[in-house]
């Protein structure tokens, strides 16, 4: 079993074995929330440079709520709309794996530097999306990455819209 830091790094490296490990480890729920919190803080600090305290708070709250909403939508889509015959998952398994999938967002803290802000937001968003697909593939026991990608796409658009609005990207 990997350490917390090992799990965070493994999740960021898209290591499917780490996602399988946290899927089955019920004691990893707190760790998954810790990763989301660290990622949310990273996003909040990155937004602080543009939006000040409002950016910090909306970055933290928006990222945390965005993960929860996206995970719920993905769980629903993956277990009700596009399940595979092998799909055996519960809500907490998906929350744990997708919680660790937010690990790249920790680098959002680099958005505090204006020269990196847009680039960091783009990179960490795409990286987290890819990690989320891996996490969903493992949690929902899919054999197809394409199926996991389709399931994630349902929640991704809502997630991006919500975070963008909360961080003031669209307004």
C-alpha atoms as a PDB file:
ATOM      1  CA  UNK A   1       0.000   0.000   0.000  1.00  0.00           C
ATOM      2  CA  UNK A   2       1.365   3.381  -1.010  1.00  0.00           C
ATOM      3  CA  UNK A   3       1.765   6.306   1.364  1.00  0.00           C
ATOM      4  CA  UNK A   4      -0.473   9.347   1.000  1.00  0.00           C
ATOM      5  CA  UNK A   5       2.247  11.229  -0.891  1.00  0.00           C
ATOM      6  CA  UNK A   6       2.890   8.146  -3.031  1.00  0.00           C
ATOM      7  CA  UNK A   7      -0.790   7.935  -3.859  1.00  0.00           C
ATOM      8  CA  UNK A   8      -0.983  11.622  -4.793  1.00  0.00           C
ATOM      9  CA  UNK A   9       2.069  11.354  -7.029  1.00  0.00           C
ATOM     10  CA  UNK A  10       0.880   8.044  -8.504  1.00  0.00           C
ATOM     11  CA  UNK A  11      -2.543   9.520  -9.235  1.00  0.00           C
ATOM     12  CA  UNK A  12      -0.944  12.527 -10.924  1.00  0.00           C
ATOM     13  CA  UNK A  13       1.195  10.112 -12.964  1.00  0.00           C
ATOM     14  CA  UNK A  14      -2.025   8.386 -14.065  1.00  0.00           C
ATOM     15  CA  UNK A  15      -1.006   5.108 -12.439  1.00  0.00           C
ATOM     16  CA  UNK A  16      -4.053   2.835 -12.797  1.00  0.00           C
ATOM     17  CA  UNK A  17      -2.806   0.678  -9.919  1.00  0.00           C
ATOM     18  CA  UNK A  18      -3.051   3.613  -7.509  1.00  0.00           C
ATOM     19  CA  UNK A  19      -6.634   4.233  -8.597  1.00  0.00           C
ATOM     20  CA  UNK A  20      -7.445   0.550  -8.030  1.00  0.00           C
ATOM     21  CA  UNK A  21      -5.819   0.770  -4.599  1.00  0.00           C
ATOM     22  CA  UNK A  22      -7.839   3.766  -3.446  1.00  0.00           C
ATOM     23  CA  UNK A  23     -11.019   2.349  -4.972  1.00  0.00           C
ATOM     24  CA  UNK A  24     -10.887  -0.650  -2.661  1.00  0.00           C
ATOM     25  CA  UNK A  25      -9.410   1.068   0.403  1.00  0.00           C
ATOM     26  CA  UNK A  26     -12.374   2.431   2.351  1.00  0.00           C
ATOM     27  CA  UNK A  27      -9.955   4.174   4.713  1.00  0.00           C
ATOM     28  CA  UNK A  28      -8.739   6.293   1.768  1.00  0.00           C
ATOM     29  CA  UNK A  29     -11.922   8.412   1.709  1.00  0.00           C
ATOM     30  CA  UNK A  30     -10.384  10.998   4.017  1.00  0.00           C
ATOM     31  CA  UNK A  31      -7.217  11.029   1.935  1.00  0.00           C
ATOM     32  CA  UNK A  32      -9.255  11.602  -1.233  1.00  0.00           C
ATOM     33  CA  UNK A  33     -10.989  14.555   0.384  1.00  0.00           C
ATOM     34  CA  UNK A  34      -7.568  15.815   1.477  1.00  0.00           C
ATOM     35  CA  UNK A  35      -6.359  15.744  -2.139  1.00  0.00           C
ATOM     36  CA  UNK A  36      -9.468  17.643  -3.239  1.00  0.00           C
ATOM     37  CA  UNK A  37      -8.911  20.170  -0.478  1.00  0.00           C
ATOM     38  CA  UNK A  38      -5.244  20.652  -1.476  1.00  0.00           C
ATOM     39  CA  UNK A  39      -6.251  20.995  -5.112  1.00  0.00           C
ATOM     40  CA  UNK A  40      -9.012  23.434  -4.174  1.00  0.00           C
ATOM     41  CA  UNK A  41      -6.581  25.504  -2.138  1.00  0.00           C
ATOM     42  CA  UNK A  42      -4.162  25.466  -5.074  1.00  0.00           C
ATOM     43  CA  UNK A  43      -6.913  26.742  -7.374  1.00  0.00           C
ATOM     44  CA  UNK A  44      -7.944  29.344  -4.809  1.00  0.00           C
ATOM     45  CA  UNK A  45      -4.417  30.648  -4.392  1.00  0.00           C
ATOM     46  CA  UNK A  46      -4.001  30.750  -8.161  1.00  0.00           C
ATOM     47  CA  UNK A  47      -7.219  32.760  -8.478  1.00  0.00           C
ATOM     48  CA  UNK A  48      -6.150  35.085  -5.653  1.00  0.00           C
ATOM     49  CA  UNK A  49      -3.698  36.818  -8.005  1.00  0.00           C
ATOM     50  CA  UNK A  50      -6.540  37.882 -10.285  1.00  0.00           C
ATOM     51  CA  UNK A  51      -9.535  38.177  -8.017  1.00  0.00           C
ATOM     52  CA  UNK A  52      -8.076  38.700  -4.540  1.00  0.00           C
ATOM     53  CA  UNK A  53      -9.861  37.241  -1.554  1.00  0.00           C
ATOM     54  CA  UNK A  54     -13.003  36.620  -3.616  1.00  0.00           C
ATOM     55  CA  UNK A  55     -10.894  34.550  -6.013  1.00  0.00           C
ATOM     56  CA  UNK A  56      -9.336  32.613  -3.168  1.00  0.00           C
ATOM     57  CA  UNK A  57     -12.689  31.741  -1.623  1.00  0.00           C
ATOM     58  CA  UNK A  58     -14.512  31.003  -4.867  1.00  0.00           C
ATOM     59  CA  UNK A  59     -11.541  28.966  -6.089  1.00  0.00           C
ATOM     60  CA  UNK A  60     -11.602  26.791  -2.996  1.00  0.00           C
ATOM     61  CA  UNK A  61     -15.371  26.407  -2.755  1.00  0.00           C
ATOM     62  CA  UNK A  62     -15.880  26.153  -6.508  1.00  0.00           C
ATOM     63  CA  UNK A  63     -13.254  23.480  -6.967  1.00  0.00           C
ATOM     64  CA  UNK A  64     -14.556  21.408  -4.084  1.00  0.00           C
ATOM     65  CA  UNK A  65     -18.192  21.662  -5.161  1.00  0.00           C
ATOM     66  CA  UNK A  66     -17.217  21.138  -8.796  1.00  0.00           C
ATOM     67  CA  UNK A  67     -15.499  17.863  -7.945  1.00  0.00           C
ATOM     68  CA  UNK A  68     -18.472  16.669  -5.942  1.00  0.00           C
ATOM     69  CA  UNK A  69     -20.970  17.599  -8.694  1.00  0.00           C
ATOM     70  CA  UNK A  70     -18.842  16.171 -11.494  1.00  0.00           C
ATOM     71  CA  UNK A  71     -18.275  12.948  -9.549  1.00  0.00           C
ATOM     72  CA  UNK A  72     -21.996  12.574  -8.878  1.00  0.00           C
ATOM     73  CA  UNK A  73     -22.950  13.185 -12.505  1.00  0.00           C
ATOM     74  CA  UNK A  74     -20.258  10.780 -13.645  1.00  0.00           C
ATOM     75  CA  UNK A  75     -21.365   8.117 -11.177  1.00  0.00           C
ATOM     76  CA  UNK A  76     -24.968   8.429 -12.371  1.00  0.00           C
ATOM     77  CA  UNK A  77     -23.989   8.334 -16.050  1.00  0.00           C
ATOM     78  CA  UNK A  78     -21.543   5.503 -15.536  1.00  0.00           C
ATOM     79  CA  UNK A  79     -23.850   3.259 -13.546  1.00  0.00           C
ATOM     80  CA  UNK A  80     -27.231   4.114 -15.093  1.00  0.00           C
ATOM     81  CA  UNK A  81     -26.687   5.392 -18.642  1.00  0.00           C
ATOM     82  CA  UNK A  82     -23.483   3.708 -19.892  1.00  0.00           C
ATOM     83  CA  UNK A  83     -22.679   0.819 -17.565  1.00  0.00           C
ATOM     84  CA  UNK A  84     -20.697  -2.099 -18.887  1.00  0.00           C
ATOM     85  CA  UNK A  85     -21.484  -5.678 -17.877  1.00  0.00           C
ATOM     86  CA  UNK A  86     -18.463  -5.510 -15.531  1.00  0.00           C
ATOM     87  CA  UNK A  87     -19.533  -2.278 -13.803  1.00  0.00           C
ATOM     88  CA  UNK A  88     -19.625  -2.824 -10.050  1.00  0.00           C
ATOM     89  CA  UNK A  89     -19.157   0.388  -8.127  1.00  0.00           C
ATOM     90  CA  UNK A  90     -20.618   2.428  -5.379  1.00  0.00           C
ATOM     91  CA  UNK A  91     -20.653   6.174  -4.864  1.00  0.00           C
ATOM     92  CA  UNK A  92     -17.779   6.163  -2.375  1.00  0.00           C
ATOM     93  CA  UNK A  93     -15.486   4.197  -4.699  1.00  0.00           C
ATOM     94  CA  UNK A  94     -15.972   6.806  -7.385  1.00  0.00           C
ATOM     95  CA  UNK A  95     -15.521   9.656  -4.918  1.00  0.00           C
ATOM     96  CA  UNK A  96     -12.225   8.184  -3.705  1.00  0.00           C
ATOM     97  CA  UNK A  97     -10.776   7.636  -7.162  1.00  0.00           C
ATOM     98  CA  UNK A  98     -11.928  10.964  -8.567  1.00  0.00           C
ATOM     99  CA  UNK A  99     -10.753  12.715  -5.419  1.00  0.00           C
ATOM    100  CA  UNK A 100      -7.241  11.513  -6.159  1.00  0.00           C
ATOM    101  CA  UNK A 101      -7.722  12.508  -9.812  1.00  0.00           C
ATOM    102  CA  UNK A 102      -7.752  16.141  -8.694  1.00  0.00           C
ATOM    103  CA  UNK A 103      -4.067  15.855  -7.703  1.00  0.00           C
ATOM    104  CA  UNK A 104      -2.801  17.880 -10.699  1.00  0.00           C
ATOM    105  CA  UNK A 105      -4.879  20.804  -9.451  1.00  0.00           C
ATOM    106  CA  UNK A 106      -2.476  21.239  -6.548  1.00  0.00           C
ATOM    107  CA  UNK A 107      -0.203  22.932  -9.083  1.00  0.00           C
ATOM    108  CA  UNK A 108      -2.885  25.617  -9.473  1.00  0.00           C
ATOM    109  CA  UNK A 109      -0.971  27.490  -6.794  1.00  0.00           C
ATOM    110  CA  UNK A 110       1.460  28.498  -9.579  1.00  0.00           C
ATOM    111  CA  UNK A 111      -1.363  30.624 -11.009  1.00  0.00           C
ATOM    112  CA  UNK A 112      -0.414  33.160  -8.358  1.00  0.00           C
ATOM    113  CA  UNK A 113       2.294  34.249 -10.807  1.00  0.00           C
ATOM    114  CA  UNK A 114       0.610  36.229 -13.622  1.00  0.00           C
ATOM    115  CA  UNK A 115       2.921  34.909 -16.319  1.00  0.00           C
ATOM    116  CA  UNK A 116       1.769  31.322 -15.605  1.00  0.00           C
ATOM    117  CA  UNK A 117      -1.900  31.858 -14.709  1.00  0.00           C
ATOM    118  CA  UNK A 118      -3.672  30.955 -17.971  1.00  0.00           C
ATOM    119  CA  UNK A 119      -1.219  28.244 -18.869  1.00  0.00           C
ATOM    120  CA  UNK A 120      -1.445  26.643 -15.416  1.00  0.00           C
ATOM    121  CA  UNK A 121      -5.256  26.710 -15.468  1.00  0.00           C
ATOM    122  CA  UNK A 122      -5.294  25.048 -18.902  1.00  0.00           C
ATOM    123  CA  UNK A 123      -2.670  22.408 -18.071  1.00  0.00           C
ATOM    124  CA  UNK A 124      -4.074  21.444 -14.677  1.00  0.00           C
ATOM    125  CA  UNK A 125      -7.616  21.303 -16.083  1.00  0.00           C
ATOM    126  CA  UNK A 126      -6.652  19.010 -18.945  1.00  0.00           C
ATOM    127  CA  UNK A 127      -4.389  16.891 -16.746  1.00  0.00           C
ATOM    128  CA  UNK A 128      -7.170  16.504 -14.183  1.00  0.00           C
ATOM    129  CA  UNK A 129      -9.587  15.550 -16.952  1.00  0.00           C
ATOM    130  CA  UNK A 130      -7.266  12.790 -18.118  1.00  0.00           C
ATOM    131  CA  UNK A 131      -6.762  11.634 -14.518  1.00  0.00           C
ATOM    132  CA  UNK A 132     -10.528  11.684 -13.993  1.00  0.00           C
ATOM    133  CA  UNK A 133     -10.994   9.406 -17.024  1.00  0.00           C
ATOM    134  CA  UNK A 134      -8.441   6.947 -15.625  1.00  0.00           C
ATOM    135  CA  UNK A 135     -10.109   7.115 -12.199  1.00  0.00           C
ATOM    136  CA  UNK A 136     -13.561   6.480 -13.665  1.00  0.00           C
ATOM    137  CA  UNK A 137     -12.300   3.650 -15.853  1.00  0.00           C
ATOM    138  CA  UNK A 138     -10.853   1.939 -12.777  1.00  0.00           C
ATOM    139  CA  UNK A 139     -13.725   2.692 -10.373  1.00  0.00           C
ATOM    140  CA  UNK A 140     -16.441   1.577 -12.779  1.00  0.00           C
ATOM    141  CA  UNK A 141     -14.422  -1.448 -13.920  1.00  0.00           C
ATOM    142  CA  UNK A 142     -14.542  -0.432 -17.557  1.00  0.00           C
ATOM    143  CA  UNK A 143     -12.334  -2.185 -20.066  1.00  0.00           C
ATOM    144  CA  UNK A 144     -12.757   0.727 -22.477  1.00  0.00           C
ATOM    145  CA  UNK A 145     -11.117   4.087 -21.945  1.00  0.00           C
ATOM    146  CA  UNK A 146     -13.476   5.486 -24.588  1.00  0.00           C
ATOM    147  CA  UNK A 147     -16.491   4.518 -22.456  1.00  0.00           C
ATOM    148  CA  UNK A 148     -14.913   6.223 -19.444  1.00  0.00           C
ATOM    149  CA  UNK A 149     -14.223   9.314 -21.553  1.00  0.00           C
ATOM    150  CA  UNK A 150     -17.849   9.482 -22.729  1.00  0.00           C
ATOM    151  CA  UNK A 151     -19.125   9.152 -19.164  1.00  0.00           C
ATOM    152  CA  UNK A 152     -16.751  11.861 -17.954  1.00  0.00           C
ATOM    153  CA  UNK A 153     -17.774  14.186 -20.778  1.00  0.00           C
ATOM    154  CA  UNK A 154     -21.308  14.365 -19.408  1.00  0.00           C
ATOM    155  CA  UNK A 155     -20.113  15.986 -16.198  1.00  0.00           C
ATOM    156  CA  UNK A 156     -17.066  17.779 -17.588  1.00  0.00           C
ATOM    157  CA  UNK A 157     -19.003  20.511 -19.406  1.00  0.00           C
ATOM    158  CA  UNK A 158     -20.997  21.325 -16.278  1.00  0.00           C
ATOM    159  CA  UNK A 159     -17.828  21.253 -14.168  1.00  0.00           C
ATOM    160  CA  UNK A 160     -15.941  23.640 -16.453  1.00  0.00           C
ATOM    161  CA  UNK A 161     -18.891  26.019 -16.694  1.00  0.00           C
ATOM    162  CA  UNK A 162     -19.338  26.106 -12.934  1.00  0.00           C
ATOM    163  CA  UNK A 163     -15.661  26.657 -12.126  1.00  0.00           C
ATOM    164  CA  UNK A 164     -15.314  29.252 -14.884  1.00  0.00           C
ATOM    165  CA  UNK A 165     -18.282  31.226 -13.591  1.00  0.00           C
ATOM    166  CA  UNK A 166     -17.107  30.969  -9.982  1.00  0.00           C
ATOM    167  CA  UNK A 167     -13.598  32.099 -10.895  1.00  0.00           C
ATOM    168  CA  UNK A 168     -14.939  34.917 -13.042  1.00  0.00           C
ATOM    169  CA  UNK A 169     -13.526  33.632 -16.325  1.00  0.00           C
ATOM    170  CA  UNK A 170     -16.830  34.343 -18.080  1.00  0.00           C
ATOM    171  CA  UNK A 171     -17.899  37.395 -16.255  1.00  0.00           C
END
